[in-house]
Amino acid sequence: MSVKVPKDVEERVLHLVESGRYRDSGDAMREAVNLLEERDRRLSWLQQAVARADEALERGEGVPYSPELLDELEEKSEERFKRGDQPGSDVLP
């Protein structure tokens, strides 16, 4: 397959190869496609999470956001931190 890319993209890919970061332009483009696919997977996950949250709200299962709610969450978080509680695995990267 032959792909025509804009001149500025070609220059950026060549710079990456010349810097030694990638073996050749194919490696650089492969990495770019991998990153696009990962971004698309994350976006899809996020869209699904938002859809599930919307459905939960429609069923009355949610808690409406407000500045007061955020203050309350921050206060509880600070209290847990002071006690030395460790965050759950669902909030760690």
PDB file of N, CA and C in Angstrom:
ATOM      1  N   MET A   1       0.850  -1.174   0.000  1.00  0.00           N
ATOM      2  CA  MET A   1       0.000   0.000   0.000  1.00  0.00           C
ATOM      3  C   MET A   1       0.894   1.235   0.000  1.00  0.00           C
ATOM      4  N   SER A   2       0.464   2.209  -0.715  1.00  0.00           N
ATOM      5  CA  SER A   2       1.184   3.476  -0.751  1.00  0.00           C
ATOM      6  C   SER A   2       0.262   4.544  -0.173  1.00  0.00           C
ATOM      7  N   VAL A   3       0.819   5.325   0.731  1.00  0.00           N
ATOM      8  CA  VAL A   3       0.020   6.352   1.393  1.00  0.00           C
ATOM      9  C   VAL A   3       0.667   7.705   1.145  1.00  0.00           C
ATOM     10  N   LYS A   4      -0.133   8.663   0.723  1.00  0.00           N
ATOM     11  CA  LYS A   4       0.365  10.013   0.513  1.00  0.00           C
ATOM     12  C   LYS A   4      -0.011  10.834   1.747  1.00  0.00           C
ATOM     13  N   VAL A   5       0.995  11.436   2.368  1.00  0.00           N
ATOM     14  CA  VAL A   5       0.749  12.243   3.559  1.00  0.00           C
ATOM     15  C   VAL A   5       1.140  13.688   3.268  1.00  0.00           C
ATOM     16  N   PRO A   6       0.538  14.614   3.972  1.00  0.00           N
ATOM     17  CA  PRO A   6       0.907  16.013   3.791  1.00  0.00           C
ATOM     18  C   PRO A   6       2.399  16.222   4.091  1.00  0.00           C
ATOM     19  N   LYS A   7       2.970  17.216   3.462  1.00  0.00           N
ATOM     20  CA  LYS A   7       4.400  17.492   3.591  1.00  0.00           C
ATOM     21  C   LYS A   7       4.819  17.672   5.048  1.00  0.00           C
ATOM     22  N   ASP A   8       4.002  18.378   5.848  1.00  0.00           N
ATOM     23  CA  ASP A   8       4.387  18.605   7.238  1.00  0.00           C
ATOM     24  C   ASP A   8       4.430  17.301   8.028  1.00  0.00           C
ATOM     25  N   VAL A   9       3.524  16.363   7.716  1.00  0.00           N
ATOM     26  CA  VAL A   9       3.529  15.069   8.401  1.00  0.00           C
ATOM     27  C   VAL A   9       4.752  14.279   7.971  1.00  0.00           C
ATOM     28  N   GLU A  10       5.053  14.308   6.697  1.00  0.00           N
ATOM     29  CA  GLU A  10       6.239  13.612   6.189  1.00  0.00           C
ATOM     30  C   GLU A  10       7.499  14.131   6.880  1.00  0.00           C
ATOM     31  N   GLU A  11       7.604  15.435   7.023  1.00  0.00           N
ATOM     32  CA  GLU A  11       8.778  16.020   7.674  1.00  0.00           C
ATOM     33  C   GLU A  11       8.878  15.592   9.135  1.00  0.00           C
ATOM     34  N   ARG A  12       7.748  15.524   9.806  1.00  0.00           N
ATOM     35  CA  ARG A  12       7.749  15.121  11.217  1.00  0.00           C
ATOM     36  C   ARG A  12       8.157  13.663  11.360  1.00  0.00           C
ATOM     37  N   VAL A  13       7.651  12.810  10.462  1.00  0.00           N
ATOM     38  CA  VAL A  13       8.022  11.395  10.501  1.00  0.00           C
ATOM     39  C   VAL A  13       9.512  11.245  10.221  1.00  0.00           C
ATOM     40  N   LEU A  14      10.012  11.949   9.219  1.00  0.00           N
ATOM     41  CA  LEU A  14      11.441  11.868   8.900  1.00  0.00           C
ATOM     42  C   LEU A  14      12.294  12.355  10.066  1.00  0.00           C
ATOM     43  N   HIS A  15      11.855  13.389  10.739  1.00  0.00           N
ATOM     44  CA  HIS A  15      12.586  13.891  11.905  1.00  0.00           C
ATOM     45  C   HIS A  15      12.641  12.820  13.000  1.00  0.00           C
ATOM     46  N   LEU A  16      11.525  12.127  13.213  1.00  0.00           N
ATOM     47  CA  LEU A  16      11.496  11.066  14.229  1.00  0.00           C
ATOM     48  C   LEU A  16      12.464   9.942  13.869  1.00  0.00           C
ATOM     49  N   VAL A  17      12.528   9.595  12.590  1.00  0.00           N
ATOM     50  CA  VAL A  17      13.441   8.543  12.147  1.00  0.00           C
ATOM     51  C   VAL A  17      14.890   9.019  12.268  1.00  0.00           C
ATOM     52  N   GLU A  18      15.166  10.231  11.814  1.00  0.00           N
ATOM     53  CA  GLU A  18      16.530  10.763  11.877  1.00  0.00           C
ATOM     54  C   GLU A  18      17.024  10.923  13.310  1.00  0.00           C
ATOM     55  N   SER A  19      16.111  11.170  14.230  1.00  0.00           N
ATOM     56  CA  SER A  19      16.506  11.328  15.630  1.00  0.00           C
ATOM     57  C   SER A  19      16.846   9.984  16.270  1.00  0.00           C
ATOM     58  N   GLY A  20      16.541   8.895  15.568  1.00  0.00           N
ATOM     59  CA  GLY A  20      16.829   7.572  16.089  1.00  0.00           C
ATOM     60  C   GLY A  20      15.698   6.986  16.917  1.00  0.00           C
ATOM     61  N   ARG A  21      14.651   7.721  17.035  1.00  0.00           N
ATOM     62  CA  ARG A  21      13.524   7.245  17.840  1.00  0.00           C
ATOM     63  C   ARG A  21      12.830   6.056  17.180  1.00  0.00           C
ATOM     64  N   TYR A  22      12.798   6.058  15.846  1.00  0.00           N
ATOM     65  CA  TYR A  22      12.201   4.956  15.105  1.00  0.00           C
ATOM     66  C   TYR A  22      13.187   4.480  14.052  1.00  0.00           C
ATOM     67  N   ARG A  23      13.116   3.173  13.762  1.00  0.00           N
ATOM     68  CA  ARG A  23      14.028   2.573  12.792  1.00  0.00           C
ATOM     69  C   ARG A  23      13.784   3.088  11.386  1.00  0.00           C
ATOM     70  N   ASP A  24      12.505   3.232  11.048  1.00  0.00           N
ATOM     71  CA  ASP A  24      12.149   3.720   9.716  1.00  0.00           C
ATOM     72  C   ASP A  24      10.755   4.333   9.777  1.00  0.00           C
ATOM     73  N   SER A  25      10.310   4.889   8.634  1.00  0.00           N
ATOM     74  CA  SER A  25       9.016   5.566   8.619  1.00  0.00           C
ATOM     75  C   SER A  25       7.874   4.599   8.888  1.00  0.00           C
ATOM     76  N   GLY A  26       8.041   3.340   8.485  1.00  0.00           N
ATOM     77  CA  GLY A  26       7.010   2.340   8.747  1.00  0.00           C
ATOM     78  C   GLY A  26       6.794   2.139  10.242  1.00  0.00           C
ATOM     79  N   ASP A  27       7.897   2.097  11.004  1.00  0.00           N
ATOM     80  CA  ASP A  27       7.780   1.958  12.461  1.00  0.00           C
ATOM     81  C   ASP A  27       7.073   3.157  13.072  1.00  0.00           C
ATOM     82  N   ALA A  28       7.408   4.348  12.604  1.00  0.00           N
ATOM     83  CA  ALA A  28       6.777   5.564  13.130  1.00  0.00           C
ATOM     84  C   ALA A  28       5.286   5.567  12.812  1.00  0.00           C
ATOM     85  N   MET A  29       4.934   5.203  11.593  1.00  0.00           N
ATOM     86  CA  MET A  29       3.527   5.188  11.203  1.00  0.00           C
ATOM     87  C   MET A  29       2.769   4.082  11.944  1.00  0.00           C
ATOM     88  N   ARG A  30       3.425   2.936  12.157  1.00  0.00           N
ATOM     89  CA  ARG A  30       2.793   1.847  12.908  1.00  0.00           C
ATOM     90  C   ARG A  30       2.452   2.313  14.317  1.00  0.00           C
ATOM     91  N   GLU A  31       3.401   3.004  14.950  1.00  0.00           N
ATOM     92  CA  GLU A  31       3.155   3.534  16.291  1.00  0.00           C
ATOM     93  C   GLU A  31       2.007   4.545  16.277  1.00  0.00           C
ATOM     94  N   ALA A  32       1.965   5.376  15.256  1.00  0.00           N
ATOM     95  CA  ALA A  32       0.880   6.360  15.148  1.00  0.00           C
ATOM     96  C   ALA A  32      -0.473   5.665  15.038  1.00  0.00           C
ATOM     97  N   VAL A  33      -0.549   4.622  14.228  1.00  0.00           N
ATOM     98  CA  VAL A  33      -1.806   3.894  14.070  1.00  0.00           C
ATOM     99  C   VAL A  33      -2.170   3.190  15.372  1.00  0.00           C
ATOM    100  N   ASN A  34      -1.178   2.608  16.059  1.00  0.00           N
ATOM    101  CA  ASN A  34      -1.445   1.971  17.352  1.00  0.00           C
ATOM    102  C   ASN A  34      -2.015   2.972  18.347  1.00  0.00           C
ATOM    103  N   LEU A  35      -1.450   4.167  18.370  1.00  0.00           N
ATOM    104  CA  LEU A  35      -1.946   5.198  19.285  1.00  0.00           C
ATOM    105  C   LEU A  35      -3.359   5.641  18.923  1.00  0.00           C
ATOM    106  N   LEU A  36      -3.651   5.749  17.646  1.00  0.00           N
ATOM    107  CA  LEU A  36      -5.013   6.096  17.217  1.00  0.00           C
ATOM    108  C   LEU A  36      -6.006   5.017  17.641  1.00  0.00           C
ATOM    109  N   GLU A  37      -5.605   3.752  17.462  1.00  0.00           N
ATOM    110  CA  GLU A  37      -6.497   2.665  17.865  1.00  0.00           C
ATOM    111  C   GLU A  37      -6.728   2.679  19.377  1.00  0.00           C
ATOM    112  N   GLU A  38      -5.675   2.933  20.152  1.00  0.00           N
ATOM    113  CA  GLU A  38      -5.823   3.009  21.605  1.00  0.00           C
ATOM    114  C   GLU A  38      -6.727   4.173  21.991  1.00  0.00           C
ATOM    115  N   ARG A  39      -6.554   5.311  21.341  1.00  0.00           N
ATOM    116  CA  ARG A  39      -7.431   6.459  21.611  1.00  0.00           C
ATOM    117  C   ARG A  39      -8.879   6.110  21.306  1.00  0.00           C
ATOM    118  N   ASP A  40      -9.106   5.420  20.188  1.00  0.00           N
ATOM    119  CA  ASP A  40     -10.462   5.029  19.821  1.00  0.00           C
ATOM    120  C   ASP A  40     -11.056   4.055  20.835  1.00  0.00           C
ATOM    121  N   ARG A  41     -10.239   3.107  21.344  1.00  0.00           N
ATOM    122  CA  ARG A  41     -10.721   2.172  22.366  1.00  0.00           C
ATOM    123  C   ARG A  41     -11.119   2.927  23.627  1.00  0.00           C
ATOM    124  N   ARG A  42     -10.273   3.870  24.041  1.00  0.00           N
ATOM    125  CA  ARG A  42     -10.574   4.643  25.251  1.00  0.00           C
ATOM    126  C   ARG A  42     -11.815   5.507  25.061  1.00  0.00           C
ATOM    127  N   LEU A  43     -11.936   6.102  23.902  1.00  0.00           N
ATOM    128  CA  LEU A  43     -13.113   6.925  23.624  1.00  0.00           C
ATOM    129  C   LEU A  43     -14.375   6.075  23.651  1.00  0.00           C
ATOM    130  N   SER A  44     -14.318   4.894  23.058  1.00  0.00           N
ATOM    131  CA  SER A  44     -15.456   3.989  23.058  1.00  0.00           C
ATOM    132  C   SER A  44     -15.823   3.601  24.486  1.00  0.00           C
ATOM    133  N   TRP A  45     -14.816   3.278  25.307  1.00  0.00           N
ATOM    134  CA  TRP A  45     -15.074   2.929  26.701  1.00  0.00           C
ATOM    135  C   TRP A  45     -15.751   4.094  27.419  1.00  0.00           C
ATOM    136  N   LEU A  46     -15.239   5.299  27.195  1.00  0.00           N
ATOM    137  CA  LEU A  46     -15.804   6.478  27.842  1.00  0.00           C
ATOM    138  C   LEU A  46     -17.243   6.713  27.395  1.00  0.00           C
ATOM    139  N   GLN A  47     -17.503   6.576  26.113  1.00  0.00           N
ATOM    140  CA  GLN A  47     -18.862   6.758  25.608  1.00  0.00           C
ATOM    141  C   GLN A  47     -19.816   5.732  26.217  1.00  0.00           C
ATOM    142  N   GLN A  48     -19.362   4.497  26.357  1.00  0.00           N
ATOM    143  CA  GLN A  48     -20.191   3.462  26.973  1.00  0.00           C
ATOM    144  C   GLN A  48     -20.436   3.767  28.448  1.00  0.00           C
ATOM    145  N   ALA A  49     -19.402   4.258  29.138  1.00  0.00           N
ATOM    146  CA  ALA A  49     -19.556   4.606  30.555  1.00  0.00           C
ATOM    147  C   ALA A  49     -20.548   5.748  30.724  1.00  0.00           C
ATOM    148  N   VAL A  50     -20.489   6.736  29.849  1.00  0.00           N
ATOM    149  CA  VAL A  50     -21.437   7.855  29.909  1.00  0.00           C
ATOM    150  C   VAL A  50     -22.851   7.354  29.626  1.00  0.00           C
ATOM    151  N   ALA A  51     -22.995   6.454  28.669  1.00  0.00           N
ATOM    152  CA  ALA A  51     -24.318   5.911  28.350  1.00  0.00           C
ATOM    153  C   ALA A  51     -24.875   5.138  29.551  1.00  0.00           C
ATOM    154  N   ARG A  52     -24.037   4.333  30.215  1.00  0.00           N
ATOM    155  CA  ARG A  52     -24.496   3.604  31.401  1.00  0.00           C
ATOM    156  C   ARG A  52     -24.885   4.570  32.511  1.00  0.00           C
ATOM    157  N   ALA A  53     -24.105   5.630  32.675  1.00  0.00           N
ATOM    158  CA  ALA A  53     -24.418   6.625  33.708  1.00  0.00           C
ATOM    159  C   ALA A  53     -25.728   7.337  33.392  1.00  0.00           C
ATOM    160  N   ASP A  54     -25.929   7.681  32.133  1.00  0.00           N
ATOM    161  CA  ASP A  54     -27.189   8.316  31.734  1.00  0.00           C
ATOM    162  C   ASP A  54     -28.376   7.402  32.019  1.00  0.00           C
ATOM    163  N   GLU A  55     -28.218   6.115  31.714  1.00  0.00           N
ATOM    164  CA  GLU A  55     -29.293   5.159  31.973  1.00  0.00           C
ATOM    165  C   GLU A  55     -29.574   5.058  33.475  1.00  0.00           C
ATOM    166  N   ALA A  56     -28.523   5.053  34.289  1.00  0.00           N
ATOM    167  CA  ALA A  56     -28.695   4.996  35.745  1.00  0.00           C
ATOM    168  C   ALA A  56     -29.419   6.239  36.244  1.00  0.00           C
ATOM    169  N   LEU A  57     -29.067   7.393  35.698  1.00  0.00           N
ATOM    170  CA  LEU A  57     -29.746   8.628  36.092  1.00  0.00           C
ATOM    171  C   LEU A  57     -31.221   8.590  35.723  1.00  0.00           C
ATOM    172  N   GLU A  58     -31.518   8.053  34.543  1.00  0.00           N
ATOM    173  CA  GLU A  58     -32.914   7.951  34.107  1.00  0.00           C
ATOM    174  C   GLU A  58     -33.720   7.037  35.027  1.00  0.00           C
ATOM    175  N   ARG A  59     -33.041   6.049  35.624  1.00  0.00           N
ATOM    176  CA  ARG A  59     -33.720   5.150  36.561  1.00  0.00           C
ATOM    177  C   ARG A  59     -33.767   5.744  37.968  1.00  0.00           C
ATOM    178  N   GLY A  60     -33.226   6.947  38.126  1.00  0.00           N
ATOM    179  CA  GLY A  60     -33.217   7.593  39.434  1.00  0.00           C
ATOM    180  C   GLY A  60     -32.137   7.075  40.361  1.00  0.00           C
ATOM    181  N   GLU A  61     -31.099   6.454  39.815  1.00  0.00           N
ATOM    182  CA  GLU A  61     -30.048   5.846  40.621  1.00  0.00           C
ATOM    183  C   GLU A  61     -28.848   6.759  40.846  1.00  0.00           C
ATOM    184  N   GLY A  62     -28.874   7.933  40.298  1.00  0.00           N
ATOM    185  CA  GLY A  62     -27.714   8.804  40.380  1.00  0.00           C
ATOM    186  C   GLY A  62     -27.836   9.852  41.465  1.00  0.00           C
ATOM    187  N   VAL A  63     -26.758  10.551  41.652  1.00  0.00           N
ATOM    188  CA  VAL A  63     -26.715  11.681  42.578  1.00  0.00           C
ATOM    189  C   VAL A  63     -26.405  12.914  41.739  1.00  0.00           C
ATOM    190  N   PRO A  64     -27.266  13.910  41.735  1.00  0.00           N
ATOM    191  CA  PRO A  64     -27.022  15.101  40.917  1.00  0.00           C
ATOM    192  C   PRO A  64     -25.748  15.831  41.347  1.00  0.00           C
ATOM    193  N   TYR A  65     -24.980  16.263  40.390  1.00  0.00           N
ATOM    194  CA  TYR A  65     -23.763  17.011  40.667  1.00  0.00           C
ATOM    195  C   TYR A  65     -24.126  18.411  41.143  1.00  0.00           C
ATOM    196  N   SER A  66     -23.361  18.866  42.112  1.00  0.00           N
ATOM    197  CA  SER A  66     -23.487  20.248  42.569  1.00  0.00           C
ATOM    198  C   SER A  66     -22.157  20.648  43.195  1.00  0.00           C
ATOM    199  N   PRO A  67     -21.888  21.924  43.277  1.00  0.00           N
ATOM    200  CA  PRO A  67     -20.658  22.355  43.960  1.00  0.00           C
ATOM    201  C   PRO A  67     -20.611  21.836  45.402  1.00  0.00           C
ATOM    202  N   GLU A  68     -21.772  21.743  46.039  1.00  0.00           N
ATOM    203  CA  GLU A  68     -21.814  21.239  47.418  1.00  0.00           C
ATOM    204  C   GLU A  68     -21.404  19.761  47.468  1.00  0.00           C
ATOM    205  N   LEU A  69     -21.835  18.990  46.475  1.00  0.00           N
ATOM    206  CA  LEU A  69     -21.440  17.587  46.418  1.00  0.00           C
ATOM    207  C   LEU A  69     -19.931  17.472  46.274  1.00  0.00           C
ATOM    208  N   LEU A  70     -19.358  18.287  45.408  1.00  0.00           N
ATOM    209  CA  LEU A  70     -17.912  18.259  45.219  1.00  0.00           C
ATOM    210  C   LEU A  70     -17.196  18.619  46.517  1.00  0.00           C
ATOM    211  N   ASP A  71     -17.687  19.621  47.227  1.00  0.00           N
ATOM    212  CA  ASP A  71     -17.097  19.991  48.520  1.00  0.00           C
ATOM    213  C   ASP A  71     -17.166  18.820  49.502  1.00  0.00           C
ATOM    214  N   GLU A  72     -18.315  18.149  49.525  1.00  0.00           N
ATOM    215  CA  GLU A  72     -18.495  17.012  50.428  1.00  0.00           C
ATOM    216  C   GLU A  72     -17.525  15.878  50.086  1.00  0.00           C
ATOM    217  N   LEU A  73     -17.379  15.595  48.799  1.00  0.00           N
ATOM    218  CA  LEU A  73     -16.454  14.540  48.369  1.00  0.00           C
ATOM    219  C   LEU A  73     -15.015  14.890  48.721  1.00  0.00           C
ATOM    220  N   GLU A  74     -14.639  16.140  48.521  1.00  0.00           N
ATOM    221  CA  GLU A  74     -13.283  16.568  48.869  1.00  0.00           C
ATOM    222  C   GLU A  74     -13.037  16.449  50.371  1.00  0.00           C
ATOM    223  N   GLU A  75     -14.037  16.814  51.167  1.00  0.00           N
ATOM    224  CA  GLU A  75     -13.914  16.739  52.619  1.00  0.00           C
ATOM    225  C   GLU A  75     -13.741  15.284  53.065  1.00  0.00           C
ATOM    226  N   LYS A  76     -14.561  14.392  52.529  1.00  0.00           N
ATOM    227  CA  LYS A  76     -14.452  12.974  52.879  1.00  0.00           C
ATOM    228  C   LYS A  76     -13.106  12.407  52.444  1.00  0.00           C
ATOM    229  N   SER A  77     -12.647  12.816  51.271  1.00  0.00           N
ATOM    230  CA  SER A  77     -11.363  12.353  50.766  1.00  0.00           C
ATOM    231  C   SER A  77     -10.230  12.809  51.686  1.00  0.00           C
ATOM    232  N   GLU A  78     -10.281  14.056  52.087  1.00  0.00           N
ATOM    233  CA  GLU A  78      -9.256  14.603  52.990  1.00  0.00           C
ATOM    234  C   GLU A  78      -9.260  13.860  54.325  1.00  0.00           C
ATOM    235  N   GLU A  79     -10.441  13.558  54.865  1.00  0.00           N
ATOM    236  CA  GLU A  79     -10.537  12.817  56.123  1.00  0.00           C
ATOM    237  C   GLU A  79      -9.912  11.431  55.986  1.00  0.00           C
ATOM    238  N   ARG A  80     -10.208  10.755  54.882  1.00  0.00           N
ATOM    239  CA  ARG A  80      -9.641   9.423  54.652  1.00  0.00           C
ATOM    240  C   ARG A  80      -8.131   9.496  54.504  1.00  0.00           C
ATOM    241  N   PHE A  81      -7.638  10.516  53.837  1.00  0.00           N
ATOM    242  CA  PHE A  81      -6.191  10.693  53.669  1.00  0.00           C
ATOM    243  C   PHE A  81      -5.519  10.885  55.027  1.00  0.00           C
ATOM    244  N   LYS A  82      -6.115  11.712  55.860  1.00  0.00           N
ATOM    245  CA  LYS A  82      -5.553  11.975  57.188  1.00  0.00           C
ATOM    246  C   LYS A  82      -5.532  10.712  58.050  1.00  0.00           C
ATOM    247  N   ARG A  83      -6.528   9.827  57.862  1.00  0.00           N
ATOM    248  CA  ARG A  83      -6.563   8.566  58.607  1.00  0.00           C
ATOM    249  C   ARG A  83      -5.555   7.560  58.058  1.00  0.00           C
ATOM    250  N   GLY A  84      -5.036   7.842  56.872  1.00  0.00           N
ATOM    251  CA  GLY A  84      -4.086   6.926  56.254  1.00  0.00           C
ATOM    252  C   GLY A  84      -4.727   5.847  55.401  1.00  0.00           C
ATOM    253  N   ASP A  85      -6.013   6.011  55.117  1.00  0.00           N
ATOM    254  CA  ASP A  85      -6.705   5.038  54.272  1.00  0.00           C
ATOM    255  C   ASP A  85      -6.074   5.037  52.875  1.00  0.00           C
ATOM    256  N   GLN A  86      -5.966   3.874  52.296  1.00  0.00           N
ATOM    257  CA  GLN A  86      -5.441   3.751  50.940  1.00  0.00           C
ATOM    258  C   GLN A  86      -6.598   3.795  49.950  1.00  0.00           C
ATOM    259  N   PRO A  87      -6.398   4.439  48.795  1.00  0.00           N
ATOM    260  CA  PRO A  87      -7.462   4.467  47.782  1.00  0.00           C
ATOM    261  C   PRO A  87      -7.742   3.053  47.270  1.00  0.00           C
ATOM    262  N   GLY A  88      -8.961   2.828  46.844  1.00  0.00           N
ATOM    263  CA  GLY A  88      -9.324   1.554  46.273  1.00  0.00           C
ATOM    264  C   GLY A  88      -8.671   1.356  44.913  1.00  0.00           C
ATOM    265  N   SER A  89      -8.592   0.100  44.485  1.00  0.00           N
ATOM    266  CA  SER A  89      -7.941  -0.209  43.210  1.00  0.00           C
ATOM    267  C   SER A  89      -8.668   0.410  42.025  1.00  0.00           C
ATOM    268  N   ASP A  90      -9.955   0.764  42.209  1.00  0.00           N
ATOM    269  CA  ASP A  90     -10.713   1.341  41.097  1.00  0.00           C
ATOM    270  C   ASP A  90     -10.362   2.798  40.830  1.00  0.00           C
ATOM    271  N   VAL A  91      -9.609   3.425  41.738  1.00  0.00           N
ATOM    272  CA  VAL A  91      -9.225   4.821  41.521  1.00  0.00           C
ATOM    273  C   VAL A  91      -7.731   4.993  41.299  1.00  0.00           C
ATOM    274  N   LEU A  92      -7.012   3.894  41.277  1.00  0.00           N
ATOM    275  CA  LEU A  92      -5.568   3.964  41.038  1.00  0.00           C
ATOM    276  C   LEU A  92      -5.284   3.702  39.573  1.00  0.00           C
ATOM    277  N   PRO A  93      -4.279   4.388  39.038  1.00  0.00           N
ATOM    278  CA  PRO A  93      -3.937   4.141  37.627  1.00  0.00           C
ATOM    279  C   PRO A  93      -3.325   2.769  37.430  1.00  0.00           C
TER     280      PRO A  93
END
